[in-house]
Amino acid sequence: IPCLYPLQSLLSSMKHACEILTEDPEGGAARIPFETFSFLYSYLAGIDGDIPGDDIKVFLRKIKEEADRQNGMVLLRNF
């Protein structure tokens, strides 16, 4: 399905960003603060241009709910 490709590519980029930016040891959860995740995701999604703004907001709201249960941190398994 072509419309899923930009999202899959973006999520792959976010996974790599989490692995690079985390303070967890290698092989750990690769947690990053929600604020950092939200900033990067919004920025990259905006550059991509194929993901509607409402979809970005809905996705980040879901991730924030998860992060709120995890001391404000986003884990790879959340997305």
C-alpha atoms as a PDB file:
ATOM      1  CA  ILE A   1       0.000   0.000   0.000  1.00  0.00           C
ATOM      2  CA  PRO A   2       1.798   3.157  -1.149  1.00  0.00           C
ATOM      3  CA  CYS A   3       0.349   5.440   1.527  1.00  0.00           C
ATOM      4  CA  LEU A   4       2.033   3.390   4.273  1.00  0.00           C
ATOM      5  CA  TYR A   5       5.542   3.779   2.878  1.00  0.00           C
ATOM      6  CA  PRO A   6       6.157   7.334   4.160  1.00  0.00           C
ATOM      7  CA  LEU A   7       4.976   6.323   7.632  1.00  0.00           C
ATOM      8  CA  GLN A   8       7.119   3.166   7.676  1.00  0.00           C
ATOM      9  CA  SER A   9      10.146   5.162   6.522  1.00  0.00           C
ATOM     10  CA  LEU A  10       9.492   7.831   9.153  1.00  0.00           C
ATOM     11  CA  LEU A  11       9.116   5.259  11.923  1.00  0.00           C
ATOM     12  CA  SER A  12      12.336   3.586  10.816  1.00  0.00           C
ATOM     13  CA  SER A  13      14.081   6.969  11.031  1.00  0.00           C
ATOM     14  CA  MET A  14      12.605   7.532  14.495  1.00  0.00           C
ATOM     15  CA  LYS A  15      13.849   4.124  15.642  1.00  0.00           C
ATOM     16  CA  HIS A  16      17.371   5.029  14.553  1.00  0.00           C
ATOM     17  CA  ALA A  17      17.104   8.450  16.216  1.00  0.00           C
ATOM     18  CA  CYS A  18      16.030   6.825  19.497  1.00  0.00           C
ATOM     19  CA  GLU A  19      18.937   4.388  19.321  1.00  0.00           C
ATOM     20  CA  ILE A  20      21.370   7.268  18.731  1.00  0.00           C
ATOM     21  CA  LEU A  21      19.957   9.731  21.281  1.00  0.00           C
ATOM     22  CA  THR A  22      19.191   7.369  24.160  1.00  0.00           C
ATOM     23  CA  GLU A  23      21.235   7.320  27.320  1.00  0.00           C
ATOM     24  CA  ASP A  24      20.343   3.639  27.810  1.00  0.00           C
ATOM     25  CA  PRO A  25      23.167   1.128  27.377  1.00  0.00           C
ATOM     26  CA  GLU A  26      23.494  -0.555  23.986  1.00  0.00           C
ATOM     27  CA  GLY A  27      20.811  -3.203  23.596  1.00  0.00           C
ATOM     28  CA  GLY A  28      18.592  -1.415  26.134  1.00  0.00           C
ATOM     29  CA  ALA A  29      15.136   0.074  25.667  1.00  0.00           C
ATOM     30  CA  ALA A  30      16.467   3.084  23.680  1.00  0.00           C
ATOM     31  CA  ARG A  31      14.252   5.477  25.641  1.00  0.00           C
ATOM     32  CA  ILE A  32      14.138   9.180  24.844  1.00  0.00           C
ATOM     33  CA  PRO A  33      12.057  11.978  26.394  1.00  0.00           C
ATOM     34  CA  PHE A  34       8.652  12.537  24.796  1.00  0.00           C
ATOM     35  CA  GLU A  35       9.546  16.171  24.063  1.00  0.00           C
ATOM     36  CA  THR A  36      12.548  15.080  22.003  1.00  0.00           C
ATOM     37  CA  PHE A  37      10.546  12.380  20.216  1.00  0.00           C
ATOM     38  CA  SER A  38       7.687  14.780  19.480  1.00  0.00           C
ATOM     39  CA  PHE A  39      10.011  17.461  18.112  1.00  0.00           C
ATOM     40  CA  LEU A  40      11.863  15.036  15.819  1.00  0.00           C
ATOM     41  CA  TYR A  41       8.725  13.248  14.626  1.00  0.00           C
ATOM     42  CA  SER A  42       6.921  16.517  13.857  1.00  0.00           C
ATOM     43  CA  TYR A  43       9.961  17.898  12.056  1.00  0.00           C
ATOM     44  CA  LEU A  44      10.558  14.793   9.936  1.00  0.00           C
ATOM     45  CA  ALA A  45       6.856  14.337   9.168  1.00  0.00           C
ATOM     46  CA  GLY A  46       6.693  17.982   8.078  1.00  0.00           C
ATOM     47  CA  ILE A  47       9.656  17.534   5.738  1.00  0.00           C
ATOM     48  CA  ASP A  48       8.093  14.377   4.305  1.00  0.00           C
ATOM     49  CA  GLY A  49       4.833  16.201   3.587  1.00  0.00           C
ATOM     50  CA  ASP A  50       2.854  13.021   2.876  1.00  0.00           C
ATOM     51  CA  ILE A  51       1.479  12.558   6.392  1.00  0.00           C
ATOM     52  CA  PRO A  52      -1.557  14.737   7.164  1.00  0.00           C
ATOM     53  CA  GLY A  53      -1.234  17.072  10.152  1.00  0.00           C
ATOM     54  CA  ASP A  54      -4.199  15.458  11.893  1.00  0.00           C
ATOM     55  CA  ASP A  55      -2.525  12.040  11.617  1.00  0.00           C
ATOM     56  CA  ILE A  56       0.628  13.474  13.181  1.00  0.00           C
ATOM     57  CA  LYS A  57      -1.368  14.890  16.103  1.00  0.00           C
ATOM     58  CA  VAL A  58      -3.275  11.629  16.679  1.00  0.00           C
ATOM     59  CA  PHE A  59      -0.057   9.582  16.596  1.00  0.00           C
ATOM     60  CA  LEU A  60       1.739  11.924  19.014  1.00  0.00           C
ATOM     61  CA  ARG A  61      -1.254  11.917  21.371  1.00  0.00           C
ATOM     62  CA  LYS A  62      -1.096   8.097  21.495  1.00  0.00           C
ATOM     63  CA  ILE A  63       2.661   8.167  22.093  1.00  0.00           C
ATOM     64  CA  LYS A  64       2.244  10.804  24.834  1.00  0.00           C
ATOM     65  CA  GLU A  65      -0.258   8.575  26.648  1.00  0.00           C
ATOM     66  CA  GLU A  66       2.317   5.783  26.631  1.00  0.00           C
ATOM     67  CA  ALA A  67       5.133   8.122  27.682  1.00  0.00           C
ATOM     68  CA  ASP A  68       3.060   9.475  30.569  1.00  0.00           C
ATOM     69  CA  ARG A  69       2.929   5.935  31.979  1.00  0.00           C
ATOM     70  CA  GLN A  70       6.712   5.588  31.522  1.00  0.00           C
ATOM     71  CA  ASN A  71       8.043   8.649  33.357  1.00  0.00           C
ATOM     72  CA  GLY A  72       7.784  10.796  30.227  1.00  0.00           C
ATOM     73  CA  MET A  73       9.930   8.481  28.128  1.00  0.00           C
ATOM     74  CA  VAL A  74       9.171   6.977  24.712  1.00  0.00           C
ATOM     75  CA  LEU A  75      10.308   3.397  24.109  1.00  0.00           C
ATOM     76  CA  LEU A  76      10.793   1.720  20.740  1.00  0.00           C
ATOM     77  CA  ARG A  77       7.929  -0.651  21.484  1.00  0.00           C
ATOM     78  CA  ASN A  78       5.549   2.337  21.680  1.00  0.00           C
ATOM     79  CA  PHE A  79       5.597   2.815  17.922  1.00  0.00           C
END
